[in-house]
């Protein structure tokens, strides 16, 4: 009798598991049959896991190219627990991000959504998204950033001085720099009071961003969610302290979020603060790491950038200006800016962006079912030889002419493009000014490979030795 009961329980569990894994896919195929419109060609891979490991464990170009060769420019797959449609043409990207943007809400896989918080700007559209975007832009628009150049420069100089004379992991050190800039932009000069506690929790949280959302003790996702809870508690204390100091004038993102007229809850503020840290840190650090690699490998480009930056220094000295950088100085860096543009294209830090169909959508004769993710493949567009001749070649001069619309989207496109892109550009230009005028660096080791997951990075984070020119 007991054995029968155990067998029954096992059968019930197995049936439940099969329903959990397969019912969404069965439902979607039934939807397709009802509409008499086929799903895009492709493979959904293993139940739940899908093709996650195939995408994140290798060069994403290989994954995308093999799929496009076999299925065409639109195909289905299944990653991070989500059925997806991937699209790889400028016209398709325009359709999703601009022309029919109202049919595709911004989203992320479940693991990221739960870690960042459901009230974060990434997951919304309509009035709430418009309000949040306005608040973020208020803190990150040029008028506000002009007052932060001096503080960002101070962080850059301190970082470089701490690296001098030793072997460093470029990516890890740049992550620390961009993390500190993110905190500065959010909390102003108060960030120093909370930096270590926020860093400790966030560094645990970020490790689970691309994990499967299985909240069982011992899993990476579970550890990350515990850190996320503690991070929210720290932010609640910061918000409470800020409210008690009403007489102080704060010119930062937190102040923008806490404006009395906006009416955001503490939970909404916390979700969006964590979201901004996420958006401002790893991607910018990755770009800086690639820039240092490309400059190190292209001596003529490095010399041109250095000459441009030294000219800014000389001009300031000759005019008797303060040697500190200002906003106007960052607008006198066209060569350096083109290096940044080309790095964003070649490295394509964000291979794609996530959107979710809010209703059944037909595109090019295929059904994109409601609830499915759709991923415009920025990397594939940026590496198209029809759009960018010799796409693997690092050539900043190609940006002496503006690229055609919808062919260059390093910060996304449309109403959901990155509202912090001006801050990212500013901190990159500031640290490059001091790197090229005051330091030289050499790459340690002969390994010229690339590592993946989730971002493409130079092998081992690009180990270098930094030394002063003086």
Foldseek 3Di string as FASTA:
>chain_A
DVVVVVVVVVVVVVVVVCCVQPVVVVVVVVVCVVVVFAAAADFACDGQAKCACVCFFDDNVVVQVVCCVVGNQWHWTHHLRFTEIEGEDLVVLCVCFPVPVVQWFFDDRPLQPLLLDVLALRGDDDPSNVLLLVLLLQLQPPVNCQVCQQVLLVLLVVLQVVQAFDKDQQLVSQLVSLLVLLLCQAFNPCSVVCVVLLCVLVVLLVVRNRPRCDCDPPDSSVSNSVSSVVNLVVLVVVLVVCVVPVVDDDSHSNCSVPPPVSPDDSSSSSSHSSVSSVVRGNLLSQLLLLLLVVCQVDVVLLVVQLVQLVVLQVVCVVVVHDSRDGPVSLVSRPSVVLSSQLSCLQQVQPQWGWIFRCAWDDDPSHIDHHGHIYIHGLNSLSQDCVQPPPSNDRDSVVPVPPGDPSSRQSQRDHPPGDSNVSVSSSSSSSSSSCPSHWKDKDFPDDQQDWGGGPGIHGPSSGIMHIHTPD
